[in-house]
PDB file of N, CA and C in Angstrom:
ATOM      1  N   PRO A   1    -162.656-174.369 245.388  1.00  0.00           N
ATOM      2  CA  PRO A   1    -161.621-174.961 244.553  1.00  0.00           C
ATOM      3  C   PRO A   1    -161.686-174.456 243.107  1.00  0.00           C
ATOM      4  N   VAL A   2    -160.563-174.449 242.452  1.00  0.00           N
ATOM      5  CA  VAL A   2    -160.505-174.035 241.054  1.00  0.00           C
ATOM      6  C   VAL A   2    -161.424-174.920 240.214  1.00  0.00           C
ATOM      7  N   SER A   3    -161.521-176.214 240.576  1.00  0.00           N
ATOM      8  CA  SER A   3    -162.376-177.132 239.822  1.00  0.00           C
ATOM      9  C   SER A   3    -163.858-176.793 239.940  1.00  0.00           C
ATOM     10  N   ARG A   4    -164.178-175.885 240.858  1.00  0.00           N
ATOM     11  CA  ARG A   4    -165.562-175.411 241.002  1.00  0.00           C
ATOM     12  C   ARG A   4    -165.649-173.920 240.654  1.00  0.00           C
ATOM     13  N   GLN A   5    -164.800-173.512 239.747  1.00  0.00           N
ATOM     14  CA  GLN A   5    -164.733-172.150 239.237  1.00  0.00           C
ATOM     15  C   GLN A   5    -164.230-171.142 240.268  1.00  0.00           C
ATOM     16  N   GLY A   6    -163.502-171.630 241.280  1.00  0.00           N
ATOM     17  CA  GLY A   6    -162.858-170.722 242.226  1.00  0.00           C
ATOM     18  C   GLY A   6    -161.673-170.042 241.563  1.00  0.00           C
ATOM     19  N   ALA A   7    -161.269-168.927 242.115  1.00  0.00           N
ATOM     20  CA  ALA A   7    -160.150-168.168 241.554  1.00  0.00           C
ATOM     21  C   ALA A   7    -158.829-168.893 241.800  1.00  0.00           C
ATOM     22  N   GLU A   8    -157.933-168.786 240.841  1.00  0.00           N
ATOM     23  CA  GLU A   8    -156.600-169.363 240.982  1.00  0.00           C
ATOM     24  C   GLU A   8    -155.649-168.283 241.509  1.00  0.00           C
ATOM     25  N   THR A   9    -156.009-167.773 242.687  1.00  0.00           N
ATOM     26  CA  THR A   9    -155.237-166.715 243.337  1.00  0.00           C
ATOM     27  C   THR A   9    -154.825-167.182 244.731  1.00  0.00           C
ATOM     28  N   LEU A  10    -153.825-166.512 245.308  1.00  0.00           N
ATOM     29  CA  LEU A  10    -153.314-166.908 246.618  1.00  0.00           C
ATOM     30  C   LEU A  10    -154.389-166.905 247.701  1.00  0.00           C
ATOM     31  N   ASP A  11    -155.335-165.964 247.622  1.00  0.00           N
ATOM     32  CA  ASP A  11    -156.368-165.906 248.667  1.00  0.00           C
ATOM     33  C   ASP A  11    -157.383-167.039 248.557  1.00  0.00           C
ATOM     34  N   ASN A  12    -157.294-167.865 247.513  1.00  0.00           N
ATOM     35  CA  ASN A  12    -158.182-169.015 247.383  1.00  0.00           C
ATOM     36  C   ASN A  12    -157.430-170.329 247.591  1.00  0.00           C
ATOM     37  N   LEU A  13    -156.192-170.250 248.012  1.00  0.00           N
ATOM     38  CA  LEU A  13    -155.391-171.444 248.244  1.00  0.00           C
ATOM     39  C   LEU A  13    -155.179-171.638 249.741  1.00  0.00           C
ATOM     40  N   ALA A  14    -154.987-172.875 250.151  1.00  0.00           N
ATOM     41  CA  ALA A  14    -154.697-173.179 251.547  1.00  0.00           C
ATOM     42  C   ALA A  14    -153.635-174.259 251.595  1.00  0.00           C
ATOM     43  N   LEU A  15    -152.695-174.108 252.503  1.00  0.00           N
ATOM     44  CA  LEU A  15    -151.650-175.097 252.687  1.00  0.00           C
ATOM     45  C   LEU A  15    -152.250-176.323 253.364  1.00  0.00           C
ATOM     46  N   ALA A  16    -152.019-177.479 252.808  1.00  0.00           N
ATOM     47  CA  ALA A  16    -152.531-178.734 253.382  1.00  0.00           C
ATOM     48  C   ALA A  16    -151.543-179.844 253.090  1.00  0.00           C
ATOM     49  N   CYS A  17    -151.544-180.845 253.953  1.00  0.00           N
ATOM     50  CA  CYS A  17    -150.690-181.997 253.685  1.00  0.00           C
ATOM     51  C   CYS A  17    -151.242-182.733 252.457  1.00  0.00           C
ATOM     52  N   ARG A  18    -150.402-183.540 251.867  1.00  0.00           N
ATOM     53  CA  ARG A  18    -150.798-184.266 250.652  1.00  0.00           C
ATOM     54  C   ARG A  18    -152.036-185.131 250.887  1.00  0.00           C
ATOM     55  N   SER A  19    -152.061-185.824 252.017  1.00  0.00           N
ATOM     56  CA  SER A  19    -153.186-186.709 252.312  1.00  0.00           C
ATOM     57  C   SER A  19    -154.495-185.934 252.397  1.00  0.00           C
ATOM     58  N   CYS A  20    -154.512-184.865 253.191  1.00  0.00           N
ATOM     59  CA  CYS A  20    -155.743-184.073 253.317  1.00  0.00           C
ATOM     60  C   CYS A  20    -156.154-183.469 251.983  1.00  0.00           C
ATOM     61  N   ASN A  21    -155.184-182.999 251.222  1.00  0.00           N
ATOM     62  CA  ASN A  21    -155.485-182.399 249.931  1.00  0.00           C
ATOM     63  C   ASN A  21    -156.106-183.422 248.971  1.00  0.00           C
ATOM     64  N   LEU A  22    -155.565-184.631 248.968  1.00  0.00           N
ATOM     65  CA  LEU A  22    -156.109-185.669 248.085  1.00  0.00           C
ATOM     66  C   LEU A  22    -157.527-186.076 248.499  1.00  0.00           C
ATOM     67  N   TYR A  23    -157.767-186.219 249.798  1.00  0.00           N
ATOM     68  CA  TYR A  23    -159.102-186.604 250.247  1.00  0.00           C
ATOM     69  C   TYR A  23    -160.111-185.475 250.075  1.00  0.00           C
ATOM     70  N   LYS A  24    -159.655-184.241 250.226  1.00  0.00           N
ATOM     71  CA  LYS A  24    -160.590-183.121 250.088  1.00  0.00           C
ATOM     72  C   LYS A  24    -161.030-182.968 248.639  1.00  0.00           C
ATOM     73  N   GLY A  25    -160.065-183.032 247.717  1.00  0.00           N
ATOM     74  CA  GLY A  25    -160.408-182.840 246.312  1.00  0.00           C
ATOM     75  C   GLY A  25    -161.166-181.536 246.129  1.00  0.00           C
ATOM     76  N   ASN A  26    -162.317-181.600 245.489  1.00  0.00           N
ATOM     77  CA  ASN A  26    -163.100-180.375 245.301  1.00  0.00           C
ATOM     78  C   ASN A  26    -164.316-180.330 246.242  1.00  0.00           C
ATOM     79  N   ARG A  27    -164.294-181.187 247.252  1.00  0.00           N
ATOM     80  CA  ARG A  27    -165.387-181.184 248.237  1.00  0.00           C
ATOM     81  C   ARG A  27    -165.381-179.911 249.066  1.00  0.00           C
ATOM     82  N   MET A  28    -166.556-179.447 249.373  1.00  0.00           N
ATOM     83  CA  MET A  28    -166.707-178.294 250.256  1.00  0.00           C
ATOM     84  C   MET A  28    -167.573-178.638 251.459  1.00  0.00           C
ATOM     85  N   SER A  29    -168.169-179.835 251.425  1.00  0.00           N
ATOM     86  CA  SER A  29    -169.035-180.273 252.511  1.00  0.00           C
ATOM     87  C   SER A  29    -169.087-181.795 252.526  1.00  0.00           C
ATOM     88  N   GLY A  30    -169.747-182.313 253.560  1.00  0.00           N
ATOM     89  CA  GLY A  30    -169.945-183.743 253.679  1.00  0.00           C
ATOM     90  C   GLY A  30    -171.255-183.990 254.408  1.00  0.00           C
ATOM     91  N   VAL A  31    -171.682-185.228 254.442  1.00  0.00           N
ATOM     92  CA  VAL A  31    -172.941-185.578 255.090  1.00  0.00           C
ATOM     93  C   VAL A  31    -172.648-186.187 256.453  1.00  0.00           C
ATOM     94  N   ASP A  32    -173.250-185.611 257.483  1.00  0.00           N
ATOM     95  CA  ASP A  32    -173.125-186.110 258.850  1.00  0.00           C
ATOM     96  C   ASP A  32    -173.905-187.414 258.950  1.00  0.00           C
ATOM     97  N   SER A  33    -173.199-188.509 259.238  1.00  0.00           N
ATOM     98  CA  SER A  33    -173.852-189.821 259.262  1.00  0.00           C
ATOM     99  C   SER A  33    -174.882-189.954 260.381  1.00  0.00           C
ATOM    100  N   SER A  34    -174.744-189.190 261.446  1.00  0.00           N
ATOM    101  CA  SER A  34    -175.700-189.314 262.550  1.00  0.00           C
ATOM    102  C   SER A  34    -176.974-188.505 262.330  1.00  0.00           C
ATOM    103  N   THR A  35    -176.891-187.415 261.555  1.00  0.00           N
ATOM    104  CA  THR A  35    -178.078-186.567 261.346  1.00  0.00           C
ATOM    105  C   THR A  35    -178.560-186.557 259.903  1.00  0.00           C
ATOM    106  N   GLY A  36    -177.682-186.923 258.973  1.00  0.00           N
ATOM    107  CA  GLY A  36    -178.026-186.851 257.558  1.00  0.00           C
ATOM    108  C   GLY A  36    -177.912-185.445 256.994  1.00  0.00           C
ATOM    109  N   ALA A  37    -177.495-184.503 257.822  1.00  0.00           N
ATOM    110  CA  ALA A  37    -177.376-183.107 257.383  1.00  0.00           C
ATOM    111  C   ALA A  37    -176.076-182.885 256.617  1.00  0.00           C
ATOM    112  N   GLU A  38    -176.136-182.010 255.634  1.00  0.00           N
ATOM    113  CA  GLU A  38    -174.934-181.610 254.914  1.00  0.00           C
ATOM    114  C   GLU A  38    -174.230-180.542 255.740  1.00  0.00           C
ATOM    115  N   VAL A  39    -172.948-180.741 255.977  1.00  0.00           N
ATOM    116  CA  VAL A  39    -172.159-179.842 256.815  1.00  0.00           C
ATOM    117  C   VAL A  39    -170.936-179.410 256.021  1.00  0.00           C
ATOM    118  N   ARG A  40    -170.649-178.128 256.038  1.00  0.00           N
ATOM    119  CA  ARG A  40    -169.471-177.636 255.318  1.00  0.00           C
ATOM    120  C   ARG A  40    -168.201-178.086 256.026  1.00  0.00           C
ATOM    121  N   LEU A  41    -167.145-178.208 255.240  1.00  0.00           N
ATOM    122  CA  LEU A  41    -165.851-178.562 255.798  1.00  0.00           C
ATOM    123  C   LEU A  41    -165.222-177.364 256.478  1.00  0.00           C
ATOM    124  N   PHE A  42    -164.256-177.624 257.333  1.00  0.00           N
ATOM    125  CA  PHE A  42    -163.481-176.580 257.994  1.00  0.00           C
ATOM    126  C   PHE A  42    -162.874-175.655 256.949  1.00  0.00           C
ATOM    127  N   HIS A  43    -162.971-174.355 257.186  1.00  0.00           N
ATOM    128  CA  HIS A  43    -162.415-173.349 256.273  1.00  0.00           C
ATOM    129  C   HIS A  43    -161.289-172.635 257.025  1.00  0.00           C
ATOM    130  N   PRO A  44    -160.035-172.822 256.608  1.00  0.00           N
ATOM    131  CA  PRO A  44    -158.903-172.279 257.369  1.00  0.00           C
ATOM    132  C   PRO A  44    -158.856-170.756 257.460  1.00  0.00           C
ATOM    133  N   ARG A  45    -159.573-170.066 256.614  1.00  0.00           N
ATOM    134  CA  ARG A  45    -159.576-168.600 256.706  1.00  0.00           C
ATOM    135  C   ARG A  45    -160.759-168.059 257.509  1.00  0.00           C
ATOM    136  N   LEU A  46    -161.792-168.870 257.675  1.00  0.00           N
ATOM    137  CA  LEU A  46    -162.984-168.423 258.394  1.00  0.00           C
ATOM    138  C   LEU A  46    -163.098-169.010 259.797  1.00  0.00           C
ATOM    139  N   ASP A  47    -162.534-170.186 259.986  1.00  0.00           N
ATOM    140  CA  ASP A  47    -162.718-170.923 261.234  1.00  0.00           C
ATOM    141  C   ASP A  47    -161.425-170.976 262.040  1.00  0.00           C
ATOM    142  N   GLU A  48    -161.573-171.041 263.366  1.00  0.00           N
ATOM    143  CA  GLU A  48    -160.420-171.226 264.250  1.00  0.00           C
ATOM    144  C   GLU A  48    -160.257-172.713 264.526  1.00  0.00           C
ATOM    145  N   TRP A  49    -159.053-173.219 264.305  1.00  0.00           N
ATOM    146  CA  TRP A  49    -158.776-174.640 264.458  1.00  0.00           C
ATOM    147  C   TRP A  49    -159.199-175.139 265.839  1.00  0.00           C
ATOM    148  N   GLU A  50    -158.823-174.402 266.881  1.00  0.00           N
ATOM    149  CA  GLU A  50    -159.084-174.825 268.255  1.00  0.00           C
ATOM    150  C   GLU A  50    -160.573-174.918 268.579  1.00  0.00           C
ATOM    151  N   SER A  51    -161.405-174.231 267.850  1.00  0.00           N
ATOM    152  CA  SER A  51    -162.846-174.277 268.077  1.00  0.00           C
ATOM    153  C   SER A  51    -163.470-175.563 267.521  1.00  0.00           C
ATOM    154  N   HIS A  52    -162.803-176.187 266.575  1.00  0.00           N
ATOM    155  CA  HIS A  52    -163.387-177.335 265.880  1.00  0.00           C
ATOM    156  C   HIS A  52    -162.660-178.663 266.107  1.00  0.00           C
ATOM    157  N   PHE A  53    -161.409-178.581 266.593  1.00  0.00           N
ATOM    158  CA  PHE A  53    -160.599-179.797 266.733  1.00  0.00           C
ATOM    159  C   PHE A  53    -159.843-179.812 268.052  1.00  0.00           C
ATOM    160  N   GLN A  54    -159.546-181.025 268.486  1.00  0.00           N
ATOM    161  CA  GLN A  54    -158.685-181.234 269.647  1.00  0.00           C
ATOM    162  C   GLN A  54    -157.787-182.416 269.318  1.00  0.00           C
ATOM    163  N   VAL A  55    -156.549-182.349 269.774  1.00  0.00           N
ATOM    164  CA  VAL A  55    -155.605-183.445 269.539  1.00  0.00           C
ATOM    165  C   VAL A  55    -155.500-184.265 270.812  1.00  0.00           C
ATOM    166  N   ASP A  56    -155.650-185.572 270.686  1.00  0.00           N
ATOM    167  CA  ASP A  56    -155.380-186.479 271.793  1.00  0.00           C
ATOM    168  C   ASP A  56    -153.910-186.857 271.666  1.00  0.00           C
ATOM    169  N   VAL A  57    -153.055-186.235 272.479  1.00  0.00           N
ATOM    170  CA  VAL A  57    -151.614-186.444 272.333  1.00  0.00           C
ATOM    171  C   VAL A  57    -151.180-187.846 272.752  1.00  0.00           C
ATOM    172  N   THR A  58    -152.021-188.562 273.473  1.00  0.00           N
ATOM    173  CA  THR A  58    -151.694-189.938 273.847  1.00  0.00           C
ATOM    174  C   THR A  58    -151.835-190.881 272.655  1.00  0.00           C
ATOM    175  N   SER A  59    -152.934-190.728 271.912  1.00  0.00           N
ATOM    176  CA  SER A  59    -153.187-191.631 270.779  1.00  0.00           C
ATOM    177  C   SER A  59    -152.749-191.053 269.440  1.00  0.00           C
ATOM    178  N   GLY A  60    -152.622-189.733 269.367  1.00  0.00           N
ATOM    179  CA  GLY A  60    -152.281-189.087 268.100  1.00  0.00           C
ATOM    180  C   GLY A  60    -153.484-188.824 267.213  1.00  0.00           C
ATOM    181  N   THR A  61    -154.684-189.027 267.742  1.00  0.00           N
ATOM    182  CA  THR A  61    -155.889-188.791 266.940  1.00  0.00           C
ATOM    183  C   THR A  61    -156.341-187.341 267.046  1.00  0.00           C
ATOM    184  N   ILE A  62    -157.074-186.915 266.041  1.00  0.00           N
ATOM    185  CA  ILE A  62    -157.707-185.596 266.054  1.00  0.00           C
ATOM    186  C   ILE A  62    -159.188-185.818 266.278  1.00  0.00           C
ATOM    187  N   ILE A  63    -159.729-185.087 267.236  1.00  0.00           N
ATOM    188  CA  ILE A  63    -161.128-185.222 267.618  1.00  0.00           C
ATOM    189  C   ILE A  63    -161.888-184.009 267.099  1.00  0.00           C
ATOM    190  N   GLY A  64    -162.961-184.249 266.368  1.00  0.00           N
ATOM    191  CA  GLY A  64    -163.829-183.165 265.913  1.00  0.00           C
ATOM    192  C   GLY A  64    -164.728-182.734 267.060  1.00  0.00           C
ATOM    193  N   LEU A  65    -164.703-181.459 267.411  1.00  0.00           N
ATOM    194  CA  LEU A  65    -165.489-180.941 268.528  1.00  0.00           C
ATOM    195  C   LEU A  65    -166.851-180.418 268.106  1.00  0.00           C
ATOM    196  N   THR A  66    -166.983-180.105 266.840  1.00  0.00           N
ATOM    197  CA  THR A  66    -168.221-179.538 266.300  1.00  0.00           C
ATOM    198  C   THR A  66    -168.622-180.370 265.085  1.00  0.00           C
ATOM    199  N   ALA A  67    -169.788-180.097 264.542  1.00  0.00           N
ATOM    200  CA  ALA A  67    -170.211-180.785 263.320  1.00  0.00           C
ATOM    201  C   ALA A  67    -169.199-180.544 262.202  1.00  0.00           C
ATOM    202  N   ILE A  68    -168.721-179.321 262.089  1.00  0.00           N
ATOM    203  CA  ILE A  68    -167.706-178.995 261.073  1.00  0.00           C
ATOM    204  C   ILE A  68    -166.438-179.791 261.326  1.00  0.00           C
ATOM    205  N   GLY A  69    -165.992-179.846 262.559  1.00  0.00           N
ATOM    206  CA  GLY A  69    -164.792-180.604 262.890  1.00  0.00           C
ATOM    207  C   GLY A  69    -164.954-182.077 262.625  1.00  0.00           C
ATOM    208  N   LYS A  70    -166.090-182.637 263.042  1.00  0.00           N
ATOM    209  CA  LYS A  70    -166.325-184.076 262.867  1.00  0.00           C
ATOM    210  C   LYS A  70    -166.384-184.463 261.399  1.00  0.00           C
ATOM    211  N   ILE A  71    -167.092-183.687 260.593  1.00  0.00           N
ATOM    212  CA  ILE A  71    -167.221-184.035 259.178  1.00  0.00           C
ATOM    213  C   ILE A  71    -165.883-183.850 258.452  1.00  0.00           C
ATOM    214  N   THR A  72    -165.094-182.869 258.873  1.00  0.00           N
ATOM    215  CA  THR A  72    -163.781-182.650 258.265  1.00  0.00           C
ATOM    216  C   THR A  72    -162.847-183.805 258.595  1.00  0.00           C
ATOM    217  N   VAL A  73    -162.832-184.235 259.865  1.00  0.00           N
ATOM    218  CA  VAL A  73    -162.007-185.375 260.263  1.00  0.00           C
ATOM    219  C   VAL A  73    -162.404-186.603 259.452  1.00  0.00           C
ATOM    220  N   ASP A  74    -163.691-186.812 259.290  1.00  0.00           N
ATOM    221  CA  ASP A  74    -164.195-187.969 258.556  1.00  0.00           C
ATOM    222  C   ASP A  74    -163.862-187.888 257.062  1.00  0.00           C
ATOM    223  N   CYS A  75    -164.220-186.788 256.420  1.00  0.00           N
ATOM    224  CA  CYS A  75    -164.025-186.650 254.961  1.00  0.00           C
ATOM    225  C   CYS A  75    -162.552-186.668 254.565  1.00  0.00           C
ATOM    226  N   LEU A  76    -161.703-186.042 255.357  1.00  0.00           N
ATOM    227  CA  LEU A  76    -160.289-185.970 255.027  1.00  0.00           C
ATOM    228  C   LEU A  76    -159.499-187.150 255.589  1.00  0.00           C
ATOM    229  N   GLU A  77    -160.213-188.075 256.231  1.00  0.00           N
ATOM    230  CA  GLU A  77    -159.584-189.258 256.829  1.00  0.00           C
ATOM    231  C   GLU A  77    -158.355-188.877 257.650  1.00  0.00           C
ATOM    232  N   MET A  78    -158.559-187.874 258.501  1.00  0.00           N
ATOM    233  CA  MET A  78    -157.470-187.334 259.297  1.00  0.00           C
ATOM    234  C   MET A  78    -156.947-188.309 260.347  1.00  0.00           C
ATOM    235  N   ASN A  79    -157.702-189.355 260.641  1.00  0.00           N
ATOM    236  CA  ASN A  79    -157.264-190.349 261.613  1.00  0.00           C
ATOM    237  C   ASN A  79    -156.973-191.704 260.972  1.00  0.00           C
ATOM    238  N   SER A  80    -156.534-191.665 259.717  1.00  0.00           N
ATOM    239  CA  SER A  80    -156.096-192.913 259.080  1.00  0.00           C
ATOM    240  C   SER A  80    -154.858-193.404 259.831  1.00  0.00           C
ATOM    241  N   GLN A  81    -154.581-194.670 259.713  1.00  0.00           N
ATOM    242  CA  GLN A  81    -153.447-195.247 260.437  1.00  0.00           C
ATOM    243  C   GLN A  81    -152.145-194.520 260.110  1.00  0.00           C
ATOM    244  N   SER A  82    -151.930-194.210 258.832  1.00  0.00           N
ATOM    245  CA  SER A  82    -150.682-193.534 258.451  1.00  0.00           C
ATOM    246  C   SER A  82    -150.609-192.123 259.034  1.00  0.00           C
ATOM    247  N   GLN A  83    -151.737-191.425 259.086  1.00  0.00           N
ATOM    248  CA  GLN A  83    -151.754-190.077 259.661  1.00  0.00           C
ATOM    249  C   GLN A  83    -151.483-190.131 261.162  1.00  0.00           C
ATOM    250  N   ILE A  84    -152.093-191.098 261.845  1.00  0.00           N
ATOM    251  CA  ILE A  84    -151.874-191.238 263.286  1.00  0.00           C
ATOM    252  C   ILE A  84    -150.412-191.581 263.578  1.00  0.00           C
ATOM    253  N   MET A  85    -149.839-192.495 262.796  1.00  0.00           N
ATOM    254  CA  MET A  85    -148.436-192.864 263.000  1.00  0.00           C
ATOM    255  C   MET A  85    -147.512-191.660 262.803  1.00  0.00           C
ATOM    256  N   ALA A  86    -147.775-190.880 261.771  1.00  0.00           N
ATOM    257  CA  ALA A  86    -146.959-189.685 261.526  1.00  0.00           C
ATOM    258  C   ALA A  86    -147.122-188.697 262.676  1.00  0.00           C
ATOM    259  N   ARG A  87    -148.367-188.487 263.106  1.00  0.00           N
ATOM    260  CA  ARG A  87    -148.634-187.557 264.202  1.00  0.00           C
ATOM    261  C   ARG A  87    -147.958-187.996 265.499  1.00  0.00           C
ATOM    262  N   GLN A  88    -147.996-189.302 265.799  1.00  0.00           N
ATOM    263  CA  GLN A  88    -147.332-189.817 266.997  1.00  0.00           C
ATOM    264  C   GLN A  88    -145.826-189.565 266.933  1.00  0.00           C
ATOM    265  N   PHE A  89    -145.255-189.705 265.754  1.00  0.00           N
ATOM    266  CA  PHE A  89    -143.821-189.431 265.577  1.00  0.00           C
ATOM    267  C   PHE A  89    -143.538-187.954 265.825  1.00  0.00           C
ATOM    268  N   TRP A  90    -144.355-187.072 265.232  1.00  0.00           N
ATOM    269  CA  TRP A  90    -144.167-185.633 265.421  1.00  0.00           C
ATOM    270  C   TRP A  90    -144.344-185.244 266.890  1.00  0.00           C
ATOM    271  N   ILE A  91    -145.294-185.864 267.569  1.00  0.00           N
ATOM    272  CA  ILE A  91    -145.510-185.600 268.991  1.00  0.00           C
ATOM    273  C   ILE A  91    -144.284-186.015 269.784  1.00  0.00           C
ATOM    274  N   SER A  92    -143.721-187.187 269.468  1.00  0.00           N
ATOM    275  CA  SER A  92    -142.524-187.659 270.196  1.00  0.00           C
ATOM    276  C   SER A  92    -141.330-186.735 270.009  1.00  0.00           C
ATOM    277  N   LEU A  93    -141.295-186.049 268.866  1.00  0.00           N
ATOM    278  CA  LEU A  93    -140.201-185.094 268.598  1.00  0.00           C
ATOM    279  C   LEU A  93    -140.508-183.693 269.130  1.00  0.00           C
ATOM    280  N   GLY A  94    -141.698-183.502 269.675  1.00  0.00           N
ATOM    281  CA  GLY A  94    -142.092-182.177 270.173  1.00  0.00           C
ATOM    282  C   GLY A  94    -142.485-181.215 269.075  1.00  0.00           C
ATOM    283  N   LEU A  95    -142.838-181.737 267.899  1.00  0.00           N
ATOM    284  CA  LEU A  95    -143.190-180.894 266.758  1.00  0.00           C
ATOM    285  C   LEU A  95    -144.688-180.713 266.566  1.00  0.00           C
ATOM    286  N   PHE A  96    -145.479-181.440 267.346  1.00  0.00           N
ATOM    287  CA  PHE A  96    -146.940-181.390 267.190  1.00  0.00           C
ATOM    288  C   PHE A  96    -147.556-181.602 268.547  1.00  0.00           C
ATOM    289  N   PRO A  97    -148.603-180.978 268.934  1.00  0.00           N
ATOM    290  CA  PRO A  97    -149.298-179.913 268.225  1.00  0.00           C
ATOM    291  C   PRO A  97    -148.575-178.593 268.329  1.00  0.00           C
TER     292      PRO A  97
END
């Protein structure tokens, strides 16, 4: 992030929804509550989404498949009630995933 002396260039930016962007802030990692280990957040340029996340289309939740996925879901509050409701709406319209 720019707030951590990152470059203010296109290759250092990532498209994110407002909610994820607000929760991420300048975080680059989080602490895994089950192990106490610090785990980096998902990096959209280095990581493949499908390797770290799965969508439960019945409930609208996002499931972290790896430590990176789990900590990202947790830190960005990707399964907040408002996010799930929006995702369920997008799923009903055939827009997600």
